[in-house]
Amino acid sequence: MDAVKTVDCRGMICPEPILHMKMVMSEIGSGDVVEMLATDKGSVSDMASWSHRTGHQLLEQKEENGVFHYWVQKK
């Protein structure tokens, strides 16, 4: 999946990944996709909740070797 930006939040815990995503979303255009990398297991529920609340679309998520990958499209 093509992303306009990748946000590396590995090693961070809640709420830092969400705060970083919020900042990046304010810098990109509607319809653009951002990839976020995280190692916090709580990011799974945090990203789902945040996406639902903000109206951004969580397109895909996967876990690979302890790193969670999220692709979010700005509303």
PDB file of N, CA and C in Angstrom:
ATOM      1  N   MET A   1       0.854  -1.175   0.000  1.00  0.00           N
ATOM      2  CA  MET A   1       0.000   0.000   0.000  1.00  0.00           C
ATOM      3  C   MET A   1       0.902   1.240   0.000  1.00  0.00           C
ATOM      4  N   ASP A   2       0.582   2.180  -0.846  1.00  0.00           N
ATOM      5  CA  ASP A   2       1.382   3.401  -0.944  1.00  0.00           C
ATOM      6  C   ASP A   2       0.945   4.415   0.106  1.00  0.00           C
ATOM      7  N   ALA A   3       1.892   4.869   0.891  1.00  0.00           N
ATOM      8  CA  ALA A   3       1.630   5.869   1.921  1.00  0.00           C
ATOM      9  C   ALA A   3       2.432   7.123   1.613  1.00  0.00           C
ATOM     10  N   VAL A   4       1.840   8.285   1.886  1.00  0.00           N
ATOM     11  CA  VAL A   4       2.555   9.544   1.659  1.00  0.00           C
ATOM     12  C   VAL A   4       3.560   9.810   2.769  1.00  0.00           C
ATOM     13  N   LYS A   5       3.322   9.211   3.943  1.00  0.00           N
ATOM     14  CA  LYS A   5       4.234   9.353   5.083  1.00  0.00           C
ATOM     15  C   LYS A   5       4.212   8.079   5.898  1.00  0.00           C
ATOM     16  N   THR A   6       5.323   7.823   6.584  1.00  0.00           N
ATOM     17  CA  THR A   6       5.403   6.736   7.556  1.00  0.00           C
ATOM     18  C   THR A   6       5.732   7.361   8.903  1.00  0.00           C
ATOM     19  N   VAL A   7       4.935   7.022   9.902  1.00  0.00           N
ATOM     20  CA  VAL A   7       5.124   7.532  11.257  1.00  0.00           C
ATOM     21  C   VAL A   7       5.695   6.393  12.092  1.00  0.00           C
ATOM     22  N   ASP A   8       6.919   6.550  12.552  1.00  0.00           N
ATOM     23  CA  ASP A   8       7.584   5.508  13.327  1.00  0.00           C
ATOM     24  C   ASP A   8       7.375   5.761  14.816  1.00  0.00           C
ATOM     25  N   CYS A   9       6.486   4.988  15.405  1.00  0.00           N
ATOM     26  CA  CYS A   9       6.163   5.129  16.827  1.00  0.00           C
ATOM     27  C   CYS A   9       6.648   3.922  17.626  1.00  0.00           C
ATOM     28  N   ARG A  10       7.608   3.197  17.084  1.00  0.00           N
ATOM     29  CA  ARG A  10       8.139   2.046  17.814  1.00  0.00           C
ATOM     30  C   ARG A  10       8.795   2.524  19.100  1.00  0.00           C
ATOM     31  N   GLY A  11       8.504   1.821  20.193  1.00  0.00           N
ATOM     32  CA  GLY A  11       9.051   2.169  21.493  1.00  0.00           C
ATOM     33  C   GLY A  11       8.202   3.158  22.274  1.00  0.00           C
ATOM     34  N   MET A  12       7.194   3.726  21.649  1.00  0.00           N
ATOM     35  CA  MET A  12       6.318   4.694  22.325  1.00  0.00           C
ATOM     36  C   MET A  12       5.105   3.975  22.893  1.00  0.00           C
ATOM     37  N   ILE A  13       4.546   4.559  23.955  1.00  0.00           N
ATOM     38  CA  ILE A  13       3.323   4.014  24.544  1.00  0.00           C
ATOM     39  C   ILE A  13       2.233   5.076  24.494  1.00  0.00           C
ATOM     40  N   CYS A  14       1.017   4.632  24.677  1.00  0.00           N
ATOM     41  CA  CYS A  14      -0.147   5.505  24.646  1.00  0.00           C
ATOM     42  C   CYS A  14       0.059   6.686  25.601  1.00  0.00           C
ATOM     43  N   PRO A  15      -0.234   7.875  25.178  1.00  0.00           N
ATOM     44  CA  PRO A  15      -0.956   8.324  23.984  1.00  0.00           C
ATOM     45  C   PRO A  15      -0.045   8.809  22.850  1.00  0.00           C
ATOM     46  N   GLU A  16       1.261   8.627  22.967  1.00  0.00           N
ATOM     47  CA  GLU A  16       2.184   9.196  21.988  1.00  0.00           C
ATOM     48  C   GLU A  16       1.897   8.807  20.535  1.00  0.00           C
ATOM     49  N   PRO A  17       1.659   7.529  20.200  1.00  0.00           N
ATOM     50  CA  PRO A  17       1.393   7.204  18.798  1.00  0.00           C
ATOM     51  C   PRO A  17       0.185   7.961  18.225  1.00  0.00           C
ATOM     52  N   ILE A  18      -0.866   8.067  19.006  1.00  0.00           N
ATOM     53  CA  ILE A  18      -2.057   8.779  18.551  1.00  0.00           C
ATOM     54  C   ILE A  18      -1.758  10.266  18.373  1.00  0.00           C
ATOM     55  N   LEU A  19      -0.998  10.848  19.261  1.00  0.00           N
ATOM     56  CA  LEU A  19      -0.636  12.262  19.129  1.00  0.00           C
ATOM     57  C   LEU A  19       0.192  12.504  17.874  1.00  0.00           C
ATOM     58  N   HIS A  20       1.095  11.591  17.569  1.00  0.00           N
ATOM     59  CA  HIS A  20       1.895  11.713  16.348  1.00  0.00           C
ATOM     60  C   HIS A  20       1.013  11.581  15.103  1.00  0.00           C
ATOM     61  N   MET A  21       0.065  10.646  15.127  1.00  0.00           N
ATOM     62  CA  MET A  21      -0.841  10.484  13.994  1.00  0.00           C
ATOM     63  C   MET A  21      -1.701  11.729  13.802  1.00  0.00           C
ATOM     64  N   LYS A  22      -2.168  12.288  14.886  1.00  0.00           N
ATOM     65  CA  LYS A  22      -2.994  13.500  14.807  1.00  0.00           C
ATOM     66  C   LYS A  22      -2.204  14.629  14.135  1.00  0.00           C
ATOM     67  N   MET A  23      -0.950  14.784  14.503  1.00  0.00           N
ATOM     68  CA  MET A  23      -0.107  15.831  13.930  1.00  0.00           C
ATOM     69  C   MET A  23       0.107  15.596  12.432  1.00  0.00           C
ATOM     70  N   VAL A  24       0.415  14.364  12.055  1.00  0.00           N
ATOM     71  CA  VAL A  24       0.654  14.051  10.648  1.00  0.00           C
ATOM     72  C   VAL A  24      -0.616  14.239   9.820  1.00  0.00           C
ATOM     73  N   MET A  25      -1.747  13.872  10.364  1.00  0.00           N
ATOM     74  CA  MET A  25      -3.011  14.020   9.636  1.00  0.00           C
ATOM     75  C   MET A  25      -3.303  15.495   9.320  1.00  0.00           C
ATOM     76  N   SER A  26      -2.846  16.389  10.174  1.00  0.00           N
ATOM     77  CA  SER A  26      -3.076  17.814   9.918  1.00  0.00           C
ATOM     78  C   SER A  26      -2.171  18.345   8.804  1.00  0.00           C
ATOM     79  N   GLU A  27      -1.149  17.578   8.432  1.00  0.00           N
ATOM     80  CA  GLU A  27      -0.183  18.009   7.418  1.00  0.00           C
ATOM     81  C   GLU A  27      -0.452  17.437   6.030  1.00  0.00           C
ATOM     82  N   ILE A  28      -1.384  16.492   5.901  1.00  0.00           N
ATOM     83  CA  ILE A  28      -1.607  15.821   4.620  1.00  0.00           C
ATOM     84  C   ILE A  28      -2.993  16.156   4.080  1.00  0.00           C
ATOM     85  N   GLY A  29      -3.218  15.771   2.826  1.00  0.00           N
ATOM     86  CA  GLY A  29      -4.493  16.058   2.188  1.00  0.00           C
ATOM     87  C   GLY A  29      -5.519  14.958   2.371  1.00  0.00           C
ATOM     88  N   SER A  30      -6.760  15.312   2.158  1.00  0.00           N
ATOM     89  CA  SER A  30      -7.860  14.353   2.248  1.00  0.00           C
ATOM     90  C   SER A  30      -7.630  13.228   1.244  1.00  0.00           C
ATOM     91  N   GLY A  31      -7.821  11.990   1.692  1.00  0.00           N
ATOM     92  CA  GLY A  31      -7.634  10.819   0.843  1.00  0.00           C
ATOM     93  C   GLY A  31      -6.232  10.246   0.893  1.00  0.00           C
ATOM     94  N   ASP A  32      -5.272  11.001   1.439  1.00  0.00           N
ATOM     95  CA  ASP A  32      -3.906  10.499   1.557  1.00  0.00           C
ATOM     96  C   ASP A  32      -3.837   9.389   2.604  1.00  0.00           C
ATOM     97  N   VAL A  33      -2.874   8.499   2.431  1.00  0.00           N
ATOM     98  CA  VAL A  33      -2.698   7.358   3.336  1.00  0.00           C
ATOM     99  C   VAL A  33      -1.388   7.523   4.106  1.00  0.00           C
ATOM    100  N   VAL A  34      -1.453   7.244   5.402  1.00  0.00           N
ATOM    101  CA  VAL A  34      -0.292   7.279   6.289  1.00  0.00           C
ATOM    102  C   VAL A  34      -0.087   5.877   6.850  1.00  0.00           C
ATOM    103  N   GLU A  35       1.167   5.464   6.921  1.00  0.00           N
ATOM    104  CA  GLU A  35       1.509   4.200   7.572  1.00  0.00           C
ATOM    105  C   GLU A  35       2.086   4.528   8.937  1.00  0.00           C
ATOM    106  N   MET A  36       1.648   3.802   9.957  1.00  0.00           N
ATOM    107  CA  MET A  36       2.205   3.970  11.291  1.00  0.00           C
ATOM    108  C   MET A  36       2.796   2.640  11.742  1.00  0.00           C
ATOM    109  N   LEU A  37       3.978   2.697  12.353  1.00  0.00           N
ATOM    110  CA  LEU A  37       4.625   1.534  12.941  1.00  0.00           C
ATOM    111  C   LEU A  37       4.600   1.708  14.456  1.00  0.00           C
ATOM    112  N   ALA A  38       4.230   0.659  15.173  1.00  0.00           N
ATOM    113  CA  ALA A  38       4.175   0.733  16.631  1.00  0.00           C
ATOM    114  C   ALA A  38       4.543  -0.622  17.234  1.00  0.00           C
ATOM    115  N   THR A  39       5.051  -0.586  18.459  1.00  0.00           N
ATOM    116  CA  THR A  39       5.361  -1.825  19.171  1.00  0.00           C
ATOM    117  C   THR A  39       4.448  -2.018  20.389  1.00  0.00           C
ATOM    118  N   ASP A  40       3.690  -1.007  20.743  1.00  0.00           N
ATOM    119  CA  ASP A  40       2.774  -1.075  21.888  1.00  0.00           C
ATOM    120  C   ASP A  40       1.545  -1.895  21.492  1.00  0.00           C
ATOM    121  N   LYS A  41       1.302  -3.003  22.206  1.00  0.00           N
ATOM    122  CA  LYS A  41       0.152  -3.855  21.906  1.00  0.00           C
ATOM    123  C   LYS A  41      -1.167  -3.102  22.061  1.00  0.00           C
ATOM    124  N   GLY A  42      -1.172  -2.105  22.918  1.00  0.00           N
ATOM    125  CA  GLY A  42      -2.378  -1.293  23.109  1.00  0.00           C
ATOM    126  C   GLY A  42      -2.734  -0.468  21.892  1.00  0.00           C
ATOM    127  N   SER A  43      -1.793  -0.337  20.974  1.00  0.00           N
ATOM    128  CA  SER A  43      -2.067   0.464  19.783  1.00  0.00           C
ATOM    129  C   SER A  43      -3.153  -0.162  18.914  1.00  0.00           C
ATOM    130  N   VAL A  44      -3.367  -1.466  19.036  1.00  0.00           N
ATOM    131  CA  VAL A  44      -4.398  -2.139  18.247  1.00  0.00           C
ATOM    132  C   VAL A  44      -5.768  -1.543  18.567  1.00  0.00           C
ATOM    133  N   SER A  45      -6.120  -1.502  19.826  1.00  0.00           N
ATOM    134  CA  SER A  45      -7.423  -0.932  20.205  1.00  0.00           C
ATOM    135  C   SER A  45      -7.417   0.589  20.089  1.00  0.00           C
ATOM    136  N   ASP A  46      -6.279   1.217  20.384  1.00  0.00           N
ATOM    137  CA  ASP A  46      -6.189   2.682  20.285  1.00  0.00           C
ATOM    138  C   ASP A  46      -6.429   3.163  18.858  1.00  0.00           C
ATOM    139  N   MET A  47      -5.804   2.506  17.876  1.00  0.00           N
ATOM    140  CA  MET A  47      -5.955   2.932  16.488  1.00  0.00           C
ATOM    141  C   MET A  47      -7.383   2.717  15.992  1.00  0.00           C
ATOM    142  N   ALA A  48      -7.990   1.607  16.363  1.00  0.00           N
ATOM    143  CA  ALA A  48      -9.373   1.347  15.957  1.00  0.00           C
ATOM    144  C   ALA A  48     -10.306   2.404  16.530  1.00  0.00           C
ATOM    145  N   SER A  49     -10.137   2.705  17.796  1.00  0.00           N
ATOM    146  CA  SER A  49     -10.978   3.698  18.462  1.00  0.00           C
ATOM    147  C   SER A  49     -10.751   5.096  17.897  1.00  0.00           C
ATOM    148  N   TRP A  50      -9.499   5.479  17.741  1.00  0.00           N
ATOM    149  CA  TRP A  50      -9.159   6.805  17.229  1.00  0.00           C
ATOM    150  C   TRP A  50      -9.695   6.995  15.811  1.00  0.00           C
ATOM    151  N   SER A  51      -9.512   5.991  14.955  1.00  0.00           N
ATOM    152  CA  SER A  51      -9.996   6.077  13.579  1.00  0.00           C
ATOM    153  C   SER A  51     -11.510   6.249  13.549  1.00  0.00           C
ATOM    154  N   HIS A  52     -12.193   5.488  14.367  1.00  0.00           N
ATOM    155  CA  HIS A  52     -13.651   5.575  14.426  1.00  0.00           C
ATOM    156  C   HIS A  52     -14.102   6.968  14.899  1.00  0.00           C
ATOM    157  N   ARG A  53     -13.452   7.470  15.930  1.00  0.00           N
ATOM    158  CA  ARG A  53     -13.798   8.788  16.495  1.00  0.00           C
ATOM    159  C   ARG A  53     -13.545   9.928  15.519  1.00  0.00           C
ATOM    160  N   THR A  54     -12.460   9.851  14.772  1.00  0.00           N
ATOM    161  CA  THR A  54     -12.051  10.960  13.909  1.00  0.00           C
ATOM    162  C   THR A  54     -12.626  10.871  12.503  1.00  0.00           C
ATOM    163  N   GLY A  55     -13.110   9.704  12.111  1.00  0.00           N
ATOM    164  CA  GLY A  55     -13.649   9.532  10.774  1.00  0.00           C
ATOM    165  C   GLY A  55     -12.614   9.120   9.741  1.00  0.00           C
ATOM    166  N   HIS A  56     -11.349   8.989  10.161  1.00  0.00           N
ATOM    167  CA  HIS A  56     -10.322   8.483   9.254  1.00  0.00           C
ATOM    168  C   HIS A  56     -10.535   6.973   9.105  1.00  0.00           C
ATOM    169  N   GLN A  57     -10.147   6.429   7.956  1.00  0.00           N
ATOM    170  CA  GLN A  57     -10.406   5.016   7.699  1.00  0.00           C
ATOM    171  C   GLN A  57      -9.156   4.174   7.927  1.00  0.00           C
ATOM    172  N   LEU A  58      -9.269   3.237   8.847  1.00  0.00           N
ATOM    173  CA  LEU A  58      -8.198   2.273   9.087  1.00  0.00           C
ATOM    174  C   LEU A  58      -8.311   1.228   7.985  1.00  0.00           C
ATOM    175  N   LEU A  59      -7.453   1.348   6.981  1.00  0.00           N
ATOM    176  CA  LEU A  59      -7.540   0.492   5.801  1.00  0.00           C
ATOM    177  C   LEU A  59      -7.040  -0.917   6.048  1.00  0.00           C
ATOM    178  N   GLU A  60      -5.949  -1.008   6.794  1.00  0.00           N
ATOM    179  CA  GLU A  60      -5.324  -2.317   7.022  1.00  0.00           C
ATOM    180  C   GLU A  60      -4.447  -2.253   8.256  1.00  0.00           C
ATOM    181  N   GLN A  61      -4.319  -3.384   8.914  1.00  0.00           N
ATOM    182  CA  GLN A  61      -3.369  -3.498  10.018  1.00  0.00           C
ATOM    183  C   GLN A  61      -2.828  -4.911  10.027  1.00  0.00           C
ATOM    184  N   LYS A  62      -1.563  -5.019  10.430  1.00  0.00           N
ATOM    185  CA  LYS A  62      -0.959  -6.344  10.560  1.00  0.00           C
ATOM    186  C   LYS A  62       0.159  -6.259  11.591  1.00  0.00           C
ATOM    187  N   GLU A  63       0.512  -7.417  12.118  1.00  0.00           N
ATOM    188  CA  GLU A  63       1.600  -7.514  13.092  1.00  0.00           C
ATOM    189  C   GLU A  63       2.669  -8.397  12.479  1.00  0.00           C
ATOM    190  N   GLU A  64       3.907  -7.930  12.543  1.00  0.00           N
ATOM    191  CA  GLU A  64       5.019  -8.668  11.968  1.00  0.00           C
ATOM    192  C   GLU A  64       6.223  -8.550  12.900  1.00  0.00           C
ATOM    193  N   ASN A  65       6.620  -9.654  13.507  1.00  0.00           N
ATOM    194  CA  ASN A  65       7.776  -9.673  14.414  1.00  0.00           C
ATOM    195  C   ASN A  65       7.684  -8.640  15.528  1.00  0.00           C
ATOM    196  N   GLY A  66       6.501  -8.505  16.115  1.00  0.00           N
ATOM    197  CA  GLY A  66       6.314  -7.588  17.234  1.00  0.00           C
ATOM    198  C   GLY A  66       6.103  -6.139  16.840  1.00  0.00           C
ATOM    199  N   VAL A  67       6.040  -5.868  15.544  1.00  0.00           N
ATOM    200  CA  VAL A  67       5.782  -4.497  15.080  1.00  0.00           C
ATOM    201  C   VAL A  67       4.403  -4.474  14.429  1.00  0.00           C
ATOM    202  N   PHE A  68       3.572  -3.560  14.882  1.00  0.00           N
ATOM    203  CA  PHE A  68       2.232  -3.393  14.327  1.00  0.00           C
ATOM    204  C   PHE A  68       2.301  -2.343  13.230  1.00  0.00           C
ATOM    205  N   HIS A  69       1.713  -2.672  12.083  1.00  0.00           N
ATOM    206  CA  HIS A  69       1.677  -1.767  10.940  1.00  0.00           C
ATOM    207  C   HIS A  69       0.214  -1.361  10.721  1.00  0.00           C
ATOM    208  N   TYR A  70      -0.009  -0.071  10.566  1.00  0.00           N
ATOM    209  CA  TYR A  70      -1.360   0.454  10.316  1.00  0.00           C
ATOM    210  C   TYR A  70      -1.312   1.357   9.100  1.00  0.00           C
ATOM    211  N   TRP A  71      -2.327   1.259   8.259  1.00  0.00           N
ATOM    212  CA  TRP A  71      -2.471   2.167   7.131  1.00  0.00           C
ATOM    213  C   TRP A  71      -3.804   2.879   7.311  1.00  0.00           C
ATOM    214  N   VAL A  72      -3.738   4.198   7.420  1.00  0.00           N
ATOM    215  CA  VAL A  72      -4.911   5.013   7.699  1.00  0.00           C
ATOM    216  C   VAL A  72      -5.072   6.045   6.588  1.00  0.00           C
ATOM    217  N   GLN A  73      -6.302   6.153   6.082  1.00  0.00           N
ATOM    218  CA  GLN A  73      -6.604   7.144   5.052  1.00  0.00           C
ATOM    219  C   GLN A  73      -7.329   8.313   5.687  1.00  0.00           C
ATOM    220  N   LYS A  74      -6.835   9.512   5.399  1.00  0.00           N
ATOM    221  CA  LYS A  74      -7.453  10.721   5.951  1.00  0.00           C
ATOM    222  C   LYS A  74      -8.818  10.933   5.317  1.00  0.00           C
ATOM    223  N   LYS A  75      -9.783  11.322   6.145  1.00  0.00           N
ATOM    224  CA  LYS A  75     -11.154  11.558   5.634  1.00  0.00           C
ATOM    225  C   LYS A  75     -11.202  12.749   4.728  1.00  0.00           C
TER     226      LYS A  75
END
